[in-house]
Amino acid sequence: MPSLFRRKSTDLVADAVEEVTPEPATPRPKGYTPSKKELGLQTPKRQSVQRRHDAVQAPANRREAYKQMRERQRAERAEASAGMRAGDERYLLARDRGPERALVRAIVDSRRTAGTWFFVGAIIVFIGSTGNMPMAVRIGSNVLWAVLAITVIIDSILISRRIKKLVTERFPNTTQRMGSLYLYGIMRGLTFRRMRVPKPQVELGDKV
């Protein structure tokens, strides 16, 4: 009997060891990386990202689509106009682009030009030279017109000389024609400072 109980105890211990002992793992090749499934990990599902155009409500009809197009065009024009006034190269016209043109604008904007009063003087001369005005007023208008024209010509010459000097110094390899730069500077000088586009980036009297 003792031997019988001893064998049963031994058998029970052996059975328990077999239950808790894991099966030998299959040998893996060197450098093998276990998959997430084998490690018991799960890849979280990605949340769907709504696209930008989904946020914009689709037009219900052609009239609504036309309205949205008009609003978008209006916003684009406002952005382009603001960029042009600020001197942003992306929105400038072809005539205003380039570092040489920016330098010409700075030259003109840093000084007082006689051309800003040209149109005011022209209006005064036009009114004063009408037939209903006295002879003295008409003569004075003609004299004012001559003085104003001479002043504008002299100022234009000075602007052109300044443009030639600075552009040649700072852009010796420029492909811009000097005559075109002269005309660009003179026409800007004939425009009132507050009406110039792009807006002046320098103050009066600043050194360029």
N, C-alpha and C. Protein backbone atom coordinates (compact mmCIF):
# COMPACT_ATOMS: atom_id res chain seq x y z
N MET A 1 0.82 -1.21 0.00
CA MET A 1 0.00 0.00 0.00
C MET A 1 0.84 1.24 0.00
N PRO A 2 1.92 1.33 0.87
CA PRO A 2 2.73 2.54 0.81
C PRO A 2 3.29 2.78 -0.56
N SER A 3 3.72 1.71 -1.22
CA SER A 3 4.30 1.92 -2.56
C SER A 3 3.26 2.40 -3.53
N LEU A 4 2.00 1.94 -3.34
CA LEU A 4 0.93 2.37 -4.25
C LEU A 4 0.66 3.85 -4.10
N PHE A 5 0.57 4.30 -2.83
CA PHE A 5 0.33 5.74 -2.60
C PHE A 5 1.49 6.57 -3.09
N ARG A 6 2.70 6.05 -2.97
CA ARG A 6 3.87 6.81 -3.42
C ARG A 6 3.84 6.96 -4.92
N ARG A 7 3.42 5.91 -5.66
CA ARG A 7 3.37 5.99 -7.11
C ARG A 7 2.28 6.95 -7.54
N LYS A 8 1.16 6.93 -6.84
CA LYS A 8 0.09 7.85 -7.23
C LYS A 8 0.50 9.29 -7.02
N SER A 9 1.19 9.53 -5.93
CA SER A 9 1.65 10.91 -5.68
C SER A 9 2.63 11.33 -6.74
N THR A 10 3.51 10.42 -7.13
CA THR A 10 4.49 10.76 -8.17
C THR A 10 3.81 11.01 -9.48
N ASP A 11 2.80 10.20 -9.79
CA ASP A 11 2.08 10.40 -11.05
C ASP A 11 1.34 11.72 -11.06
N LEU A 12 0.75 12.08 -9.91
CA LEU A 12 0.04 13.36 -9.85
C LEU A 12 0.97 14.53 -10.06
N VAL A 13 2.13 14.49 -9.45
CA VAL A 13 3.13 15.57 -9.62
C VAL A 13 3.57 15.66 -11.05
N ALA A 14 3.77 14.49 -11.71
CA ALA A 14 4.20 14.49 -13.12
C ALA A 14 3.14 15.09 -14.01
N ASP A 15 1.87 14.76 -13.73
CA ASP A 15 0.79 15.31 -14.55
C ASP A 15 0.69 16.82 -14.39
N ALA A 16 0.87 17.28 -13.14
CA ALA A 16 0.80 18.73 -12.91
C ALA A 16 1.92 19.45 -13.61
N VAL A 17 3.11 18.87 -13.63
CA VAL A 17 4.25 19.49 -14.31
C VAL A 17 4.01 19.57 -15.79
N GLU A 18 3.41 18.53 -16.37
CA GLU A 18 3.13 18.52 -17.81
C GLU A 18 2.12 19.60 -18.19
N GLU A 19 1.14 19.89 -17.26
CA GLU A 19 0.13 20.88 -17.57
C GLU A 19 0.70 22.29 -17.56
N VAL A 20 1.57 22.61 -16.64
CA VAL A 20 2.09 23.97 -16.51
C VAL A 20 3.31 24.20 -17.37
N THR A 21 3.97 23.14 -17.82
CA THR A 21 5.17 23.33 -18.65
C THR A 21 4.77 23.69 -20.06
N PRO A 22 5.17 24.86 -20.59
CA PRO A 22 4.79 25.26 -21.96
C PRO A 22 5.48 24.41 -22.98
N GLU A 23 4.82 24.36 -24.13
CA GLU A 23 5.41 23.60 -25.22
C GLU A 23 6.66 24.32 -25.72
N PRO A 24 7.64 23.57 -26.08
CA PRO A 24 8.87 24.23 -26.56
C PRO A 24 8.57 25.05 -27.78
N ALA A 25 9.07 26.30 -27.77
CA ALA A 25 8.83 27.23 -28.88
C ALA A 25 9.57 26.77 -30.11
N THR A 26 8.93 27.05 -31.24
CA THR A 26 9.58 26.70 -32.51
C THR A 26 10.80 27.59 -32.69
N PRO A 27 11.92 27.04 -32.96
CA PRO A 27 13.13 27.88 -33.12
C PRO A 27 12.97 28.86 -34.27
N ARG A 28 13.35 30.13 -34.02
CA ARG A 28 13.23 31.19 -35.01
C ARG A 28 14.60 31.49 -35.60
N PRO A 29 14.62 31.86 -36.84
CA PRO A 29 15.92 32.21 -37.43
C PRO A 29 16.49 33.47 -36.78
N LYS A 30 17.76 33.66 -36.92
CA LYS A 30 18.45 34.79 -36.31
C LYS A 30 17.98 36.07 -36.97
N GLY A 31 17.70 37.07 -36.14
CA GLY A 31 17.23 38.34 -36.65
C GLY A 31 15.73 38.39 -36.86
N TYR A 32 15.01 37.36 -36.44
CA TYR A 32 13.57 37.31 -36.63
C TYR A 32 12.89 38.28 -35.67
N THR A 33 11.92 39.02 -36.19
CA THR A 33 11.17 39.97 -35.38
C THR A 33 9.75 39.49 -35.24
N PRO A 34 9.26 39.26 -34.06
CA PRO A 34 7.89 38.76 -33.89
C PRO A 34 6.89 39.81 -34.33
N SER A 35 5.79 39.33 -34.88
CA SER A 35 4.74 40.22 -35.35
C SER A 35 3.94 40.74 -34.16
N LYS A 36 3.15 41.82 -34.43
CA LYS A 36 2.32 42.37 -33.37
C LYS A 36 1.26 41.38 -32.91
N LYS A 37 0.83 40.54 -33.86
CA LYS A 37 -0.17 39.54 -33.49
C LYS A 37 0.40 38.53 -32.52
N GLU A 38 1.66 38.13 -32.77
CA GLU A 38 2.30 37.17 -31.87
C GLU A 38 2.55 37.79 -30.50
N LEU A 39 2.81 39.08 -30.46
CA LEU A 39 3.06 39.74 -29.18
C LEU A 39 1.78 40.13 -28.47
N GLY A 40 0.66 39.94 -29.13
CA GLY A 40 -0.62 40.27 -28.51
C GLY A 40 -0.97 41.73 -28.62
N LEU A 41 -0.34 42.45 -29.54
CA LEU A 41 -0.61 43.87 -29.73
C LEU A 41 -1.54 44.05 -30.90
N GLN A 42 -2.35 45.08 -30.84
CA GLN A 42 -3.26 45.41 -31.93
C GLN A 42 -3.01 46.83 -32.38
N THR A 43 -3.02 47.02 -33.67
CA THR A 43 -2.80 48.35 -34.22
C THR A 43 -4.09 49.13 -34.14
N PRO A 44 -4.08 50.31 -33.47
CA PRO A 44 -5.32 51.08 -33.36
C PRO A 44 -5.75 51.59 -34.72
N LYS A 45 -7.03 51.64 -34.93
CA LYS A 45 -7.54 52.11 -36.21
C LYS A 45 -7.36 53.63 -36.30
N ARG A 46 -6.96 54.07 -37.47
CA ARG A 46 -6.81 55.51 -37.69
C ARG A 46 -8.17 56.16 -37.85
N GLN A 47 -8.27 57.34 -37.24
CA GLN A 47 -9.51 58.07 -37.38
C GLN A 47 -9.52 58.77 -38.72
N SER A 48 -10.62 58.72 -39.37
CA SER A 48 -10.73 59.35 -40.68
C SER A 48 -10.65 60.86 -40.53
N VAL A 49 -9.81 61.50 -41.38
CA VAL A 49 -9.63 62.95 -41.35
C VAL A 49 -10.49 63.55 -42.45
N GLN A 50 -11.29 64.46 -42.07
CA GLN A 50 -12.17 65.09 -43.06
C GLN A 50 -11.38 66.05 -43.90
N ARG A 51 -11.54 65.98 -45.18
CA ARG A 51 -10.80 66.84 -46.09
C ARG A 51 -11.31 68.27 -46.00
N ARG A 52 -10.42 69.19 -46.48
CA ARG A 52 -10.73 70.61 -46.36
C ARG A 52 -11.98 70.98 -47.16
N HIS A 53 -12.08 70.40 -48.34
CA HIS A 53 -13.21 70.80 -49.16
C HIS A 53 -14.53 70.26 -48.64
N ASP A 54 -14.46 69.24 -47.73
CA ASP A 54 -15.68 68.73 -47.12
C ASP A 54 -16.25 69.74 -46.14
N ALA A 55 -15.33 70.59 -45.57
CA ALA A 55 -15.79 71.57 -44.60
C ALA A 55 -16.62 72.66 -45.27
N VAL A 56 -16.39 72.89 -46.55
CA VAL A 56 -17.15 73.88 -47.29
C VAL A 56 -18.44 73.24 -47.77
N GLN A 57 -19.50 73.87 -47.45
CA GLN A 57 -20.79 73.31 -47.83
C GLN A 57 -20.94 73.36 -49.34
N ALA A 58 -21.31 72.26 -49.91
CA ALA A 58 -21.49 72.19 -51.35
C ALA A 58 -22.69 73.02 -51.76
N PRO A 59 -22.57 73.73 -52.89
CA PRO A 59 -23.71 74.56 -53.32
C PRO A 59 -24.92 73.69 -53.66
N ALA A 60 -26.07 74.22 -53.29
CA ALA A 60 -27.30 73.46 -53.53
C ALA A 60 -27.77 73.57 -54.96
N ASN A 61 -27.42 74.67 -55.62
CA ASN A 61 -27.85 74.87 -56.99
C ASN A 61 -26.84 75.76 -57.71
N ARG A 62 -27.13 76.05 -58.97
CA ARG A 62 -26.22 76.87 -59.78
C ARG A 62 -26.13 78.29 -59.25
N ARG A 63 -27.22 78.80 -58.75
CA ARG A 63 -27.19 80.16 -58.21
C ARG A 63 -26.28 80.26 -56.99
N GLU A 64 -26.37 79.27 -56.12
CA GLU A 64 -25.50 79.25 -54.94
C GLU A 64 -24.04 79.07 -55.35
N ALA A 65 -23.79 78.22 -56.34
CA ALA A 65 -22.42 78.03 -56.82
C ALA A 65 -21.86 79.32 -57.41
N TYR A 66 -22.67 80.05 -58.16
CA TYR A 66 -22.23 81.33 -58.75
C TYR A 66 -21.95 82.35 -57.65
N LYS A 67 -22.76 82.34 -56.59
CA LYS A 67 -22.55 83.26 -55.47
C LYS A 67 -21.24 82.97 -54.77
N GLN A 68 -20.97 81.67 -54.54
CA GLN A 68 -19.70 81.31 -53.90
C GLN A 68 -18.51 81.68 -54.77
N MET A 69 -18.64 81.51 -56.08
CA MET A 69 -17.55 81.88 -56.98
C MET A 69 -17.29 83.38 -56.93
N ARG A 70 -18.36 84.19 -56.90
CA ARG A 70 -18.21 85.64 -56.84
C ARG A 70 -17.53 86.06 -55.54
N GLU A 71 -17.91 85.44 -54.43
CA GLU A 71 -17.30 85.77 -53.15
C GLU A 71 -15.82 85.39 -53.13
N ARG A 72 -15.50 84.23 -53.72
CA ARG A 72 -14.11 83.81 -53.76
C ARG A 72 -13.28 84.76 -54.63
N GLN A 73 -13.82 85.17 -55.77
CA GLN A 73 -13.12 86.10 -56.64
C GLN A 73 -12.94 87.46 -55.97
N ARG A 74 -13.95 87.89 -55.23
CA ARG A 74 -13.85 89.17 -54.53
C ARG A 74 -12.74 89.12 -53.47
N ALA A 75 -12.66 88.01 -52.75
CA ALA A 75 -11.62 87.87 -51.74
C ALA A 75 -10.24 87.83 -52.38
N GLU A 76 -10.12 87.15 -53.52
CA GLU A 76 -8.83 87.09 -54.21
C GLU A 76 -8.41 88.46 -54.73
N ARG A 77 -9.37 89.23 -55.25
CA ARG A 77 -9.04 90.58 -55.73
C ARG A 77 -8.62 91.48 -54.59
N ALA A 78 -9.28 91.36 -53.45
CA ALA A 78 -8.91 92.18 -52.29
C ALA A 78 -7.51 91.82 -51.80
N GLU A 79 -7.20 90.53 -51.81
CA GLU A 79 -5.86 90.10 -51.39
C GLU A 79 -4.80 90.60 -52.37
N ALA A 80 -5.08 90.53 -53.67
CA ALA A 80 -4.13 90.99 -54.67
C ALA A 80 -3.93 92.50 -54.58
N SER A 81 -5.01 93.24 -54.35
CA SER A 81 -4.90 94.69 -54.23
C SER A 81 -4.08 95.09 -53.02
N ALA A 82 -4.31 94.41 -51.89
CA ALA A 82 -3.53 94.71 -50.68
C ALA A 82 -2.07 94.36 -50.88
N GLY A 83 -1.81 93.23 -51.53
CA GLY A 83 -0.42 92.85 -51.80
C GLY A 83 0.27 93.81 -52.76
N MET A 84 -0.47 94.32 -53.73
CA MET A 84 0.12 95.27 -54.68
C MET A 84 0.47 96.58 -53.98
N ARG A 85 -0.43 97.07 -53.14
CA ARG A 85 -0.15 98.32 -52.43
C ARG A 85 1.02 98.16 -51.47
N ALA A 86 1.17 96.96 -50.89
CA ALA A 86 2.26 96.73 -49.94
C ALA A 86 3.60 96.45 -50.64
N GLY A 87 3.59 96.28 -51.96
CA GLY A 87 4.82 96.03 -52.68
C GLY A 87 5.23 94.58 -52.72
N ASP A 88 4.29 93.66 -52.49
CA ASP A 88 4.59 92.23 -52.55
C ASP A 88 4.82 91.82 -54.01
N GLU A 89 6.00 91.23 -54.28
CA GLU A 89 6.37 90.88 -55.66
C GLU A 89 5.37 89.93 -56.31
N ARG A 90 4.68 89.13 -55.52
CA ARG A 90 3.75 88.16 -56.07
C ARG A 90 2.55 88.83 -56.73
N TYR A 91 2.23 90.03 -56.30
CA TYR A 91 1.02 90.69 -56.79
C TYR A 91 1.32 91.92 -57.65
N LEU A 92 2.57 92.25 -57.83
CA LEU A 92 2.91 93.44 -58.60
C LEU A 92 2.69 93.21 -60.09
N LEU A 93 2.40 94.29 -60.79
CA LEU A 93 2.33 94.24 -62.24
C LEU A 93 3.73 94.08 -62.81
N ALA A 94 3.81 93.69 -64.06
CA ALA A 94 5.12 93.47 -64.69
C ALA A 94 5.96 94.73 -64.67
N ARG A 95 5.33 95.89 -64.81
CA ARG A 95 6.07 97.15 -64.85
C ARG A 95 6.70 97.50 -63.50
N ASP A 96 6.20 96.90 -62.40
CA ASP A 96 6.69 97.23 -61.06
C ASP A 96 7.64 96.19 -60.48
N ARG A 97 7.86 95.10 -61.19
CA ARG A 97 8.66 94.02 -60.63
C ARG A 97 10.15 94.24 -60.84
N GLY A 98 10.91 93.65 -59.92
CA GLY A 98 12.36 93.69 -60.06
C GLY A 98 13.00 94.62 -59.05
N PRO A 99 14.22 94.30 -58.63
CA PRO A 99 14.90 95.16 -57.65
C PRO A 99 15.24 96.53 -58.20
N GLU A 100 15.46 96.63 -59.52
CA GLU A 100 15.77 97.94 -60.09
C GLU A 100 14.57 98.87 -59.98
N ARG A 101 13.38 98.35 -60.24
CA ARG A 101 12.17 99.16 -60.14
C ARG A 101 11.92 99.57 -58.68
N ALA A 102 12.20 98.67 -57.76
CA ALA A 102 12.05 99.01 -56.34
C ALA A 102 13.00 100.13 -55.95
N LEU A 103 14.20 100.10 -56.48
CA LEU A 103 15.16 101.16 -56.20
C LEU A 103 14.69 102.48 -56.79
N VAL A 104 14.15 102.46 -57.99
CA VAL A 104 13.63 103.68 -58.61
C VAL A 104 12.50 104.27 -57.77
N ARG A 105 11.62 103.41 -57.28
CA ARG A 105 10.53 103.90 -56.44
C ARG A 105 11.07 104.55 -55.17
N ALA A 106 12.07 103.94 -54.58
CA ALA A 106 12.65 104.51 -53.36
C ALA A 106 13.31 105.86 -53.65
N ILE A 107 13.96 105.99 -54.80
CA ILE A 107 14.59 107.26 -55.16
C ILE A 107 13.55 108.37 -55.28
N VAL A 108 12.46 108.07 -55.96
CA VAL A 108 11.41 109.08 -56.16
C VAL A 108 10.69 109.38 -54.86
N ASP A 109 10.39 108.35 -54.08
CA ASP A 109 9.59 108.53 -52.87
C ASP A 109 10.37 109.22 -51.75
N SER A 110 11.67 109.24 -51.83
CA SER A 110 12.48 109.84 -50.76
C SER A 110 12.66 111.35 -50.95
N ARG A 111 12.09 111.91 -52.00
CA ARG A 111 12.28 113.33 -52.27
C ARG A 111 10.95 113.98 -52.65
N ARG A 112 10.91 115.29 -52.53
CA ARG A 112 9.76 116.04 -52.99
C ARG A 112 9.93 116.33 -54.48
N THR A 113 8.92 116.06 -55.24
CA THR A 113 8.99 116.24 -56.68
C THR A 113 8.04 117.33 -57.13
N ALA A 114 8.50 118.11 -58.10
CA ALA A 114 7.65 119.18 -58.64
C ALA A 114 6.48 118.61 -59.41
N GLY A 115 6.62 117.39 -59.88
CA GLY A 115 5.55 116.80 -60.68
C GLY A 115 4.27 116.55 -59.92
N THR A 116 4.35 116.45 -58.56
CA THR A 116 3.14 116.21 -57.78
C THR A 116 2.17 117.38 -57.88
N TRP A 117 2.67 118.55 -58.19
CA TRP A 117 1.82 119.74 -58.33
C TRP A 117 1.53 120.07 -59.79
N PHE A 118 1.95 119.19 -60.68
CA PHE A 118 1.78 119.46 -62.10
C PHE A 118 0.30 119.53 -62.48
N PHE A 119 -0.47 118.56 -62.05
CA PHE A 119 -1.88 118.51 -62.43
C PHE A 119 -2.68 119.62 -61.76
N VAL A 120 -2.30 119.97 -60.52
CA VAL A 120 -2.97 121.10 -59.86
C VAL A 120 -2.71 122.38 -60.62
N GLY A 121 -1.45 122.57 -61.01
CA GLY A 121 -1.12 123.75 -61.80
C GLY A 121 -1.80 123.75 -63.15
N ALA A 122 -1.94 122.56 -63.75
CA ALA A 122 -2.60 122.47 -65.05
C ALA A 122 -4.06 122.87 -64.95
N ILE A 123 -4.72 122.50 -63.85
CA ILE A 123 -6.13 122.89 -63.67
C ILE A 123 -6.25 124.40 -63.50
N ILE A 124 -5.33 124.97 -62.71
CA ILE A 124 -5.36 126.42 -62.51
C ILE A 124 -5.13 127.15 -63.83
N VAL A 125 -4.17 126.67 -64.61
CA VAL A 125 -3.88 127.30 -65.91
C VAL A 125 -5.08 127.17 -66.84
N PHE A 126 -5.72 126.02 -66.83
CA PHE A 126 -6.88 125.81 -67.70
C PHE A 126 -8.02 126.78 -67.36
N ILE A 127 -8.26 126.96 -66.06
CA ILE A 127 -9.33 127.87 -65.65
C ILE A 127 -8.95 129.32 -65.94
N GLY A 128 -7.67 129.64 -65.67
CA GLY A 128 -7.24 131.03 -65.86
C GLY A 128 -7.08 131.45 -67.30
N SER A 129 -6.97 130.51 -68.22
CA SER A 129 -6.74 130.86 -69.62
C SER A 129 -8.02 130.89 -70.44
N THR A 130 -9.18 130.75 -69.81
CA THR A 130 -10.43 130.81 -70.56
C THR A 130 -10.69 132.24 -71.02
N GLY A 131 -11.51 132.38 -72.04
CA GLY A 131 -11.75 133.69 -72.64
C GLY A 131 -12.46 134.67 -71.74
N ASN A 132 -13.18 134.19 -70.73
CA ASN A 132 -13.93 135.09 -69.85
C ASN A 132 -13.04 135.78 -68.81
N MET A 133 -11.82 135.27 -68.64
CA MET A 133 -10.92 135.84 -67.65
C MET A 133 -10.26 137.10 -68.19
N PRO A 134 -9.91 138.02 -67.28
CA PRO A 134 -9.20 139.23 -67.72
C PRO A 134 -7.86 138.88 -68.35
N MET A 135 -7.34 139.82 -69.13
CA MET A 135 -6.07 139.59 -69.82
C MET A 135 -4.94 139.31 -68.85
N ALA A 136 -4.90 140.01 -67.73
CA ALA A 136 -3.82 139.84 -66.75
C ALA A 136 -3.82 138.42 -66.19
N VAL A 137 -5.03 137.88 -65.94
CA VAL A 137 -5.14 136.52 -65.40
C VAL A 137 -4.67 135.51 -66.44
N ARG A 138 -5.03 135.74 -67.68
CA ARG A 138 -4.60 134.81 -68.73
C ARG A 138 -3.09 134.84 -68.92
N ILE A 139 -2.52 136.04 -68.86
CA ILE A 139 -1.06 136.14 -68.98
C ILE A 139 -0.38 135.44 -67.80
N GLY A 140 -0.94 135.67 -66.61
CA GLY A 140 -0.37 135.02 -65.43
C GLY A 140 -0.46 133.50 -65.51
N SER A 141 -1.56 133.00 -66.07
CA SER A 141 -1.72 131.56 -66.23
C SER A 141 -0.69 130.99 -67.18
N ASN A 142 -0.44 131.71 -68.26
CA ASN A 142 0.56 131.24 -69.22
C ASN A 142 1.96 131.24 -68.61
N VAL A 143 2.25 132.28 -67.82
CA VAL A 143 3.56 132.33 -67.16
C VAL A 143 3.68 131.18 -66.15
N LEU A 144 2.60 130.94 -65.39
CA LEU A 144 2.62 129.84 -64.42
C LEU A 144 2.82 128.51 -65.13
N TRP A 145 2.16 128.32 -66.26
CA TRP A 145 2.30 127.09 -67.03
C TRP A 145 3.74 126.90 -67.50
N ALA A 146 4.37 127.98 -67.97
CA ALA A 146 5.76 127.89 -68.44
C ALA A 146 6.71 127.56 -67.28
N VAL A 147 6.49 128.23 -66.14
CA VAL A 147 7.35 127.98 -64.97
C VAL A 147 7.18 126.54 -64.49
N LEU A 148 5.93 126.09 -64.43
CA LEU A 148 5.66 124.73 -63.97
C LEU A 148 6.28 123.70 -64.91
N ALA A 149 6.16 123.90 -66.20
CA ALA A 149 6.72 122.96 -67.18
C ALA A 149 8.24 122.90 -67.06
N ILE A 150 8.88 124.07 -66.93
CA ILE A 150 10.34 124.10 -66.80
C ILE A 150 10.78 123.40 -65.51
N THR A 151 10.04 123.64 -64.43
CA THR A 151 10.38 123.00 -63.15
C THR A 151 10.27 121.49 -63.23
N VAL A 152 9.22 121.00 -63.88
CA VAL A 152 9.03 119.55 -64.02
C VAL A 152 10.14 118.95 -64.87
N ILE A 153 10.54 119.65 -65.93
CA ILE A 153 11.61 119.14 -66.80
C ILE A 153 12.92 119.05 -66.03
N ILE A 154 13.25 120.11 -65.27
CA ILE A 154 14.49 120.09 -64.49
C ILE A 154 14.46 118.98 -63.44
N ASP A 155 13.32 118.84 -62.76
CA ASP A 155 13.19 117.80 -61.74
C ASP A 155 13.31 116.42 -62.36
N SER A 156 12.75 116.23 -63.54
CA SER A 156 12.84 114.93 -64.22
C SER A 156 14.27 114.60 -64.59
N ILE A 157 15.01 115.62 -65.02
CA ILE A 157 16.43 115.40 -65.34
C ILE A 157 17.21 114.98 -64.10
N LEU A 158 16.94 115.64 -62.98
CA LEU A 158 17.64 115.29 -61.74
C LEU A 158 17.28 113.88 -61.29
N ILE A 159 16.02 113.52 -61.42
CA ILE A 159 15.61 112.16 -61.05
C ILE A 159 16.30 111.13 -61.94
N SER A 160 16.35 111.39 -63.22
CA SER A 160 16.98 110.46 -64.16
C SER A 160 18.46 110.28 -63.85
N ARG A 161 19.13 111.37 -63.54
CA ARG A 161 20.57 111.27 -63.20
C ARG A 161 20.77 110.45 -61.93
N ARG A 162 19.92 110.65 -60.96
CA ARG A 162 20.01 109.89 -59.72
C ARG A 162 19.75 108.40 -59.97
N ILE A 163 18.76 108.13 -60.79
CA ILE A 163 18.46 106.74 -61.13
C ILE A 163 19.65 106.08 -61.82
N LYS A 164 20.22 106.75 -62.79
CA LYS A 164 21.35 106.17 -63.52
C LYS A 164 22.53 105.88 -62.60
N LYS A 165 22.81 106.79 -61.69
CA LYS A 165 23.95 106.62 -60.79
C LYS A 165 23.76 105.43 -59.86
N LEU A 166 22.62 105.36 -59.19
CA LEU A 166 22.41 104.30 -58.20
C LEU A 166 22.19 102.94 -58.84
N VAL A 167 21.46 102.89 -59.95
CA VAL A 167 21.22 101.60 -60.61
C VAL A 167 22.53 101.05 -61.15
N THR A 168 23.37 101.90 -61.71
CA THR A 168 24.66 101.45 -62.24
C THR A 168 25.57 100.96 -61.13
N GLU A 169 25.53 101.60 -59.97
CA GLU A 169 26.37 101.19 -58.85
C GLU A 169 25.91 99.88 -58.24
N ARG A 170 24.63 99.73 -58.05
CA ARG A 170 24.11 98.57 -57.32
C ARG A 170 23.75 97.39 -58.22
N PHE A 171 23.48 97.66 -59.47
CA PHE A 171 23.13 96.58 -60.40
C PHE A 171 23.94 96.76 -61.70
N PRO A 172 25.24 96.52 -61.61
CA PRO A 172 26.07 96.73 -62.81
C PRO A 172 25.72 95.80 -63.96
N ASN A 173 25.14 94.65 -63.68
CA ASN A 173 24.80 93.68 -64.72
C ASN A 173 23.30 93.67 -65.04
N THR A 174 22.64 94.76 -64.77
CA THR A 174 21.20 94.80 -65.00
C THR A 174 20.87 94.71 -66.49
N THR A 175 19.74 94.10 -66.77
CA THR A 175 19.27 94.00 -68.15
C THR A 175 18.17 95.02 -68.44
N GLN A 176 17.83 95.82 -67.43
CA GLN A 176 16.80 96.84 -67.60
C GLN A 176 17.35 97.99 -68.46
N ARG A 177 16.50 98.50 -69.34
CA ARG A 177 16.89 99.65 -70.14
C ARG A 177 16.77 100.91 -69.30
N MET A 178 17.78 101.76 -69.36
CA MET A 178 17.78 102.97 -68.56
C MET A 178 16.63 103.89 -68.95
N GLY A 179 16.34 103.98 -70.25
CA GLY A 179 15.25 104.83 -70.68
C GLY A 179 13.92 104.42 -70.06
N SER A 180 13.71 103.12 -69.94
CA SER A 180 12.48 102.62 -69.32
C SER A 180 12.44 102.97 -67.83
N LEU A 181 13.58 102.88 -67.16
CA LEU A 181 13.64 103.22 -65.75
C LEU A 181 13.45 104.72 -65.54
N TYR A 182 14.00 105.53 -66.43
CA TYR A 182 13.80 106.97 -66.34
C TYR A 182 12.31 107.31 -66.44
N LEU A 183 11.66 106.76 -67.44
CA LEU A 183 10.24 107.04 -67.64
C LEU A 183 9.41 106.54 -66.46
N TYR A 184 9.78 105.39 -65.93
CA TYR A 184 9.08 104.84 -64.77
C TYR A 184 9.19 105.78 -63.58
N GLY A 185 10.39 106.30 -63.32
CA GLY A 185 10.59 107.22 -62.20
C GLY A 185 9.89 108.55 -62.42
N ILE A 186 9.94 109.08 -63.65
CA ILE A 186 9.31 110.37 -63.93
C ILE A 186 7.79 110.28 -63.77
N MET A 187 7.19 109.21 -64.28
CA MET A 187 5.74 109.05 -64.16
C MET A 187 5.32 108.88 -62.70
N ARG A 188 6.14 108.22 -61.91
CA ARG A 188 5.82 108.09 -60.49
C ARG A 188 5.95 109.44 -59.80
N GLY A 189 6.93 110.23 -60.25
CA GLY A 189 7.10 111.56 -59.67
C GLY A 189 5.95 112.49 -59.99
N LEU A 190 5.22 112.24 -61.06
CA LEU A 190 4.07 113.07 -61.42
C LEU A 190 2.81 112.70 -60.65
N THR A 191 2.86 111.61 -59.90
CA THR A 191 1.69 111.13 -59.15
C THR A 191 1.76 111.61 -57.71
N PHE A 192 0.62 111.99 -57.16
CA PHE A 192 0.59 112.39 -55.76
C PHE A 192 1.08 111.24 -54.88
N ARG A 193 1.79 111.59 -53.85
CA ARG A 193 2.43 110.57 -53.01
C ARG A 193 1.42 109.59 -52.44
N ARG A 194 0.27 110.06 -52.00
CA ARG A 194 -0.72 109.17 -51.39
C ARG A 194 -1.41 108.28 -52.42
N MET A 195 -1.28 108.60 -53.68
CA MET A 195 -1.94 107.82 -54.74
C MET A 195 -0.99 106.86 -55.43
N ARG A 196 0.25 106.80 -54.99
CA ARG A 196 1.23 105.95 -55.65
C ARG A 196 1.02 104.48 -55.27
N VAL A 197 1.13 103.63 -56.27
CA VAL A 197 1.02 102.18 -56.10
C VAL A 197 2.20 101.54 -56.80
N PRO A 198 2.98 100.73 -56.06
CA PRO A 198 2.90 100.39 -54.63
C PRO A 198 3.13 101.60 -53.73
N LYS A 199 2.69 101.49 -52.50
CA LYS A 199 2.84 102.58 -51.56
C LYS A 199 4.32 102.84 -51.28
N PRO A 200 4.67 104.11 -51.02
CA PRO A 200 6.08 104.42 -50.69
C PRO A 200 6.55 103.63 -49.48
N GLN A 201 7.73 103.05 -49.60
CA GLN A 201 8.33 102.28 -48.52
C GLN A 201 9.36 103.08 -47.74
N VAL A 202 9.63 104.29 -48.18
CA VAL A 202 10.58 105.18 -47.49
C VAL A 202 9.90 106.50 -47.20
N GLU A 203 10.43 107.20 -46.22
CA GLU A 203 9.91 108.51 -45.86
C GLU A 203 10.65 109.61 -46.61
N LEU A 204 10.04 110.79 -46.66
CA LEU A 204 10.70 111.92 -47.31
C LEU A 204 11.99 112.26 -46.58
N GLY A 205 13.05 112.41 -47.33
CA GLY A 205 14.35 112.75 -46.75
C GLY A 205 15.20 111.54 -46.37
N ASP A 206 14.65 110.32 -46.46
CA ASP A 206 15.44 109.13 -46.15
C ASP A 206 16.57 108.94 -47.17
N LYS A 207 17.67 108.40 -46.68
CA LYS A 207 18.79 108.14 -47.57
C LYS A 207 18.58 106.81 -48.27
N VAL A 208 18.72 106.83 -49.57
CA VAL A 208 18.52 105.61 -50.38
C VAL A 208 19.87 105.01 -50.73
